[in-house]
N, C-alpha and C. Protein backbone atom coordinates (compact mmCIF):
# COMPACT_ATOMS: atom_id res chain seq x y z
N ASP A 1 175.65 199.93 88.98
CA ASP A 1 176.93 200.12 88.87
C ASP A 1 177.49 199.39 87.99
N LYS A 2 178.42 199.91 87.17
CA LYS A 2 179.04 199.24 86.09
C LYS A 2 180.51 199.16 86.65
N PRO A 3 181.15 197.95 86.30
CA PRO A 3 182.68 197.52 86.80
C PRO A 3 183.39 198.73 86.32
N LYS A 4 184.62 198.91 87.09
CA LYS A 4 185.79 199.70 86.53
C LYS A 4 186.78 198.74 86.47
N ILE A 5 187.97 199.17 85.57
CA ILE A 5 188.86 198.51 85.35
C ILE A 5 189.92 198.12 86.74
N ALA A 6 189.72 199.20 87.60
CA ALA A 6 190.61 198.97 88.94
C ALA A 6 189.86 197.74 89.88
N ALA A 7 188.47 197.64 89.66
CA ALA A 7 187.84 196.39 90.22
C ALA A 7 188.27 195.00 89.75
N PHE A 8 188.51 195.05 88.44
CA PHE A 8 189.31 193.79 87.74
C PHE A 8 190.78 193.62 88.21
N ASP A 9 191.40 194.54 88.09
CA ASP A 9 192.66 194.66 88.82
C ASP A 9 192.98 194.26 89.89
N ASN A 10 191.96 194.62 91.02
CA ASN A 10 191.92 194.16 92.24
C ASN A 10 191.63 192.50 92.22
N ALA A 11 190.64 192.23 91.75
CA ALA A 11 190.07 190.67 91.61
C ALA A 11 191.43 189.83 91.28
N ILE A 12 192.32 190.36 90.13
CA ILE A 12 193.30 189.69 89.52
C ILE A 12 194.42 189.60 90.42
N ASP A 13 194.67 190.68 91.36
CA ASP A 13 195.75 190.58 92.16
C ASP A 13 195.57 189.72 93.45
N VAL A 14 194.19 189.77 93.82
CA VAL A 14 193.53 188.82 95.07
C VAL A 14 193.72 187.51 94.83
N ALA A 15 193.38 187.11 93.49
CA ALA A 15 193.41 185.71 92.91
C ALA A 15 195.01 185.48 92.78
N GLY A 16 195.61 186.15 92.23
CA GLY A 16 196.93 185.87 92.03
C GLY A 16 197.69 185.76 93.40
N ASN A 17 197.34 186.56 94.15
CA ASN A 17 198.14 186.37 95.83
C ASN A 17 198.14 185.02 96.24
N TYR A 18 196.54 184.34 96.20
CA TYR A 18 196.07 182.99 96.72
C TYR A 18 196.49 181.99 95.67
N GLY A 19 197.25 182.23 94.36
CA GLY A 19 197.68 181.31 93.73
C GLY A 19 196.38 180.73 92.78
N LEU A 20 195.45 181.37 92.79
CA LEU A 20 194.44 180.94 91.99
C LEU A 20 194.58 181.19 90.47
N LEU A 21 195.28 180.36 90.03
CA LEU A 21 195.62 180.72 88.31
C LEU A 21 194.55 180.61 87.68
N ASN A 22 193.65 179.70 87.60
CA ASN A 22 192.25 179.68 86.82
C ASN A 22 191.45 181.05 87.17
N LEU A 23 191.65 181.56 88.37
CA LEU A 23 190.57 182.84 88.40
C LEU A 23 191.52 183.95 87.88
N VAL A 24 192.43 183.92 87.95
CA VAL A 24 193.40 184.96 87.35
C VAL A 24 193.05 185.12 85.91
N ALA A 25 193.18 183.73 85.09
CA ALA A 25 192.86 183.81 83.90
C ALA A 25 191.45 184.21 83.68
N LEU A 26 190.47 183.71 84.30
CA LEU A 26 189.02 184.11 84.13
C LEU A 26 188.97 185.72 84.21
N MET A 27 189.33 186.37 85.24
CA MET A 27 189.38 187.79 85.57
C MET A 27 190.11 188.57 84.40
N ASN A 28 191.18 188.11 83.98
CA ASN A 28 191.86 188.81 82.77
C ASN A 28 190.88 188.37 81.49
N GLU A 29 190.35 187.40 81.45
CA GLU A 29 189.51 187.36 80.15
C GLU A 29 188.18 188.28 80.32
N ARG A 30 187.47 188.16 81.46
CA ARG A 30 186.28 189.00 81.67
C ARG A 30 186.58 190.47 81.38
N CYS A 31 187.84 191.08 82.14
CA CYS A 31 188.16 192.28 82.07
C CYS A 31 188.32 192.74 80.44
N ALA A 32 189.06 191.76 79.61
CA ALA A 32 189.19 192.08 78.05
C ALA A 32 187.89 192.35 77.60
N LEU A 33 186.81 191.38 77.93
CA LEU A 33 185.55 191.34 77.25
C LEU A 33 184.78 192.75 77.59
N TRP A 34 184.95 193.06 79.12
CA TRP A 34 184.42 194.12 79.32
C TRP A 34 184.88 195.46 78.46
N LEU A 35 186.22 195.50 78.33
CA LEU A 35 186.69 196.52 77.75
C LEU A 35 186.36 196.67 76.23
N LEU A 36 186.07 195.15 75.80
CA LEU A 36 185.65 195.55 74.10
C LEU A 36 184.18 195.74 74.15
N GLU A 37 183.35 195.52 75.15
CA GLU A 37 181.84 195.54 75.33
C GLU A 37 181.64 197.08 75.55
N GLU A 38 182.16 197.61 76.56
CA GLU A 38 181.55 198.93 77.13
C GLU A 38 182.56 200.06 76.52
N CYS A 39 183.57 199.80 75.96
CA CYS A 39 184.44 200.88 75.24
C CYS A 39 184.37 200.99 73.89
N PRO A 40 184.63 202.15 73.07
CA PRO A 40 184.33 202.02 71.89
C PRO A 40 185.43 201.42 71.36
N PHE A 41 185.09 200.59 70.12
CA PHE A 41 186.21 199.65 69.54
C PHE A 41 187.27 200.61 68.82
N ASP A 42 186.66 201.99 68.54
CA ASP A 42 187.83 202.75 67.72
C ASP A 42 188.92 203.42 68.70
N ASP A 43 188.68 202.98 69.87
CA ASP A 43 189.56 203.59 70.88
C ASP A 43 190.86 202.60 70.83
N GLU A 44 191.88 203.09 70.48
CA GLU A 44 193.19 202.19 70.21
C GLU A 44 193.77 201.89 71.66
N LYS A 45 193.82 202.74 72.79
CA LYS A 45 194.26 202.39 73.84
C LYS A 45 193.17 201.24 74.60
N ASN A 46 192.05 201.29 74.36
CA ASN A 46 191.27 200.00 75.04
C ASN A 46 191.37 198.76 74.19
N THR A 47 191.55 198.83 72.82
CA THR A 47 191.74 197.76 72.46
C THR A 47 193.09 197.06 72.53
N PHE A 48 194.07 197.98 72.84
CA PHE A 48 195.29 197.55 73.21
C PHE A 48 195.31 196.89 74.57
N LEU A 49 194.57 197.56 75.33
CA LEU A 49 194.29 197.02 76.72
C LEU A 49 193.87 195.70 76.84
N ALA A 50 192.59 195.47 75.99
CA ALA A 50 191.86 194.41 75.86
C ALA A 50 192.58 193.09 75.29
N THR A 51 193.78 193.53 74.26
CA THR A 51 194.51 192.69 73.72
C THR A 51 195.45 192.09 74.90
N GLU A 52 195.87 192.99 75.69
CA GLU A 52 196.92 192.54 76.49
C GLU A 52 196.34 191.60 77.64
N TYR A 53 195.12 191.99 78.21
CA TYR A 53 194.48 191.22 79.20
C TYR A 53 194.01 189.95 78.42
N LEU A 54 193.73 189.81 77.35
CA LEU A 54 193.27 188.43 76.59
C LEU A 54 194.80 187.53 76.41
N LYS A 55 195.57 188.33 76.12
CA LYS A 55 196.98 187.56 76.34
C LYS A 55 197.43 186.92 77.49
N VAL A 56 197.47 187.82 78.49
CA VAL A 56 197.66 187.26 80.16
C VAL A 56 196.55 186.02 80.50
N SER A 57 195.43 186.19 79.98
CA SER A 57 194.29 185.28 80.29
C SER A 57 194.57 183.88 79.60
N MET A 58 195.13 184.02 78.25
CA MET A 58 195.60 182.99 77.61
C MET A 58 196.61 182.31 78.24
N TRP A 59 197.85 182.75 78.41
CA TRP A 59 198.92 182.47 79.22
C TRP A 59 198.63 181.62 80.63
N CYS A 60 197.82 182.38 81.33
CA CYS A 60 197.40 181.85 82.48
C CYS A 60 196.65 180.40 82.31
N TYR A 61 195.73 180.32 81.32
CA TYR A 61 194.99 179.33 81.06
C TYR A 61 195.95 178.26 80.64
N HIS A 62 196.74 178.40 80.01
CA HIS A 62 197.90 177.64 79.57
C HIS A 62 198.72 177.14 80.65
N ASP A 63 199.12 177.87 81.48
CA ASP A 63 199.78 177.33 82.75
C ASP A 63 199.00 176.58 83.69
N TRP A 64 197.60 176.68 83.65
CA TRP A 64 196.69 176.00 84.52
C TRP A 64 196.41 174.56 83.66
N GLY A 65 196.89 174.69 82.65
CA GLY A 65 196.67 173.26 81.79
C GLY A 65 195.27 173.21 80.97
N ALA A 66 194.61 174.44 80.91
CA ALA A 66 193.18 174.39 79.96
C ALA A 66 193.70 174.67 78.62
N LEU A 67 194.32 173.71 78.02
CA LEU A 67 194.72 173.93 76.61
C LEU A 67 193.35 174.02 75.58
N ASN A 68 192.43 173.64 75.85
CA ASN A 68 191.33 173.54 74.89
C ASN A 68 191.02 175.18 74.97
N LYS A 69 191.11 175.98 75.97
CA LYS A 69 190.56 177.13 76.35
C LYS A 69 191.50 178.01 75.64
N VAL A 70 192.81 177.57 75.53
CA VAL A 70 193.92 178.63 74.97
C VAL A 70 193.54 178.47 73.22
N ASN A 71 193.08 177.37 73.08
CA ASN A 71 192.74 177.16 71.66
C ASN A 71 191.52 177.77 71.18
N GLN A 72 190.60 177.97 72.00
CA GLN A 72 189.14 178.59 71.79
C GLN A 72 189.64 180.15 71.67
N LEU A 73 190.62 180.81 72.57
CA LEU A 73 190.69 181.89 72.67
C LEU A 73 191.52 182.49 71.27
N GLU A 74 192.32 181.46 70.86
CA GLU A 74 193.19 181.69 69.54
C GLU A 74 192.19 181.64 68.23
N ARG A 75 191.47 181.05 68.36
CA ARG A 75 190.40 180.84 67.21
C ARG A 75 189.40 182.31 67.43
N GLN A 76 189.08 182.48 68.30
CA GLN A 76 187.78 183.46 68.52
C GLN A 76 188.69 184.87 68.27
N TYR A 77 190.07 185.20 68.59
CA TYR A 77 190.50 186.28 68.64
C TYR A 77 191.87 186.40 67.84
N SER A 78 191.57 186.86 66.58
CA SER A 78 192.93 186.78 65.86
C SER A 78 193.99 187.40 66.23
N VAL A 79 193.89 188.53 67.11
CA VAL A 79 194.95 189.29 67.52
C VAL A 79 195.85 188.30 68.47
N LEU A 80 195.33 187.19 68.97
CA LEU A 80 196.03 186.29 69.76
C LEU A 80 197.19 185.40 69.08
N ALA A 81 196.68 185.30 67.78
CA ALA A 81 197.75 184.60 66.97
C ALA A 81 199.11 184.64 67.22
N GLY A 82 199.84 183.84 67.54
CA GLY A 82 201.38 183.81 68.08
C GLY A 82 201.38 184.25 69.35
N ALA A 83 200.53 184.44 70.08
CA ALA A 83 200.79 185.20 71.59
C ALA A 83 201.42 184.05 72.28
N MET A 84 201.52 182.89 72.12
CA MET A 84 202.06 181.75 73.07
C MET A 84 203.48 181.97 72.60
N ARG A 85 203.96 182.19 71.79
CA ARG A 85 205.52 182.40 71.57
C ARG A 85 205.98 183.55 72.22
N SER A 86 205.25 184.47 72.53
CA SER A 86 205.76 185.53 73.42
C SER A 86 205.54 185.54 74.61
N LYS A 87 204.99 184.22 75.30
CA LYS A 87 204.59 184.09 76.73
C LYS A 87 205.92 183.99 77.62
N PRO A 88 206.22 184.69 78.62
CA PRO A 88 207.17 184.76 79.48
C PRO A 88 207.17 183.35 80.26
N PRO A 89 208.10 182.96 80.95
CA PRO A 89 208.25 181.90 81.63
C PRO A 89 207.44 181.98 83.02
N SER A 90 206.86 180.75 83.72
CA SER A 90 206.25 181.12 84.93
C SER A 90 206.68 180.17 85.71
N ALA A 91 206.49 180.29 87.05
CA ALA A 91 207.06 179.54 88.00
C ALA A 91 206.10 178.34 88.17
N LEU A 92 204.70 178.43 87.72
CA LEU A 92 203.86 177.37 87.80
C LEU A 92 203.94 176.21 86.46
N SER A 93 204.39 176.77 85.42
CA SER A 93 204.59 176.05 84.36
C SER A 93 205.92 175.34 84.50
N SER A 94 206.94 175.81 85.17
CA SER A 94 208.32 175.13 85.19
C SER A 94 208.08 174.01 86.43
N THR A 95 207.25 174.32 87.41
CA THR A 95 206.83 173.34 88.68
C THR A 95 206.16 172.24 87.90
N ARG A 96 205.19 172.38 86.87
CA ARG A 96 204.45 171.36 86.41
C ARG A 96 205.27 170.53 85.62
N ARG A 97 206.13 171.01 84.90
CA ARG A 97 207.27 170.40 84.15
C ARG A 97 207.85 169.58 84.96
N GLN A 98 208.59 170.05 85.97
CA GLN A 98 209.31 169.44 87.02
C GLN A 98 208.82 168.26 87.68
N ALA A 99 207.69 168.54 87.98
CA ALA A 99 206.74 167.59 88.79
C ALA A 99 206.50 166.52 87.66
N TYR A 100 206.34 166.55 86.57
CA TYR A 100 205.90 165.64 85.58
C TYR A 100 207.05 164.69 85.43
N ALA A 101 208.18 165.37 85.27
CA ALA A 101 209.68 164.75 84.88
C ALA A 101 209.96 163.75 86.13
N LEU A 102 209.52 164.28 87.51
CA LEU A 102 209.69 163.30 88.58
C LEU A 102 208.68 162.25 88.90
N GLY A 103 207.56 162.42 88.06
CA GLY A 103 206.43 161.48 88.14
C GLY A 103 205.59 161.71 89.29
N VAL A 104 205.53 163.31 89.91
CA VAL A 104 204.78 163.31 91.06
C VAL A 104 203.10 163.61 90.42
N ARG A 105 202.23 163.46 91.43
CA ARG A 105 200.90 163.62 91.09
C ARG A 105 200.75 165.26 90.91
N GLN A 106 199.91 165.57 89.82
CA GLN A 106 199.64 166.98 89.76
C GLN A 106 199.32 167.83 91.10
N SER A 107 198.32 167.41 91.78
CA SER A 107 197.81 167.90 93.03
C SER A 107 198.93 168.26 93.92
N ALA A 108 199.93 167.28 93.79
CA ALA A 108 201.14 167.28 94.88
C ALA A 108 202.03 168.45 94.58
N ALA A 109 202.11 168.79 93.31
CA ALA A 109 203.13 169.47 92.45
C ALA A 109 202.74 171.09 92.91
N PHE A 110 201.44 171.31 93.25
CA PHE A 110 200.88 172.51 93.49
C PHE A 110 200.89 172.92 94.80
N SER A 111 201.16 171.93 95.60
CA SER A 111 201.46 172.40 96.99
C SER A 111 203.01 172.74 97.16
N VAL A 112 203.80 172.53 96.34
CA VAL A 112 205.22 172.95 96.55
C VAL A 112 205.40 174.56 96.60
N SER A 113 205.85 175.07 97.76
CA SER A 113 206.17 176.44 97.71
C SER A 113 207.25 177.05 96.80
N SER A 114 206.86 178.20 95.92
CA SER A 114 207.70 178.62 95.14
C SER A 114 208.80 179.60 95.78
N ASP A 115 208.79 179.72 97.23
CA ASP A 115 209.69 180.52 97.78
C ASP A 115 211.30 180.09 97.66
């Protein structure tokens, strides 16, 4: 059986619900690659979807702190050029900035509830 986009979306939702940003990034990236590999390249809808999944993946990697991965994705996929400028703010990145400003260890910053 081949994966379906709903399976990727489910994995993304579950990882997001548990705050596993690294897995949210990975699942978005894998979904984009699946769309590009399994679906025709001339299909504009699938190309658009793959690009959106890659953008979200890159934004999540950024918020997680995997800046080398962000740079790799930008180099590998020209459609991602400038995508960081359109990144929406996230609770995680603001928590990380706030913790850094306060001198709090990174692991302690992630245990803070965003409620």
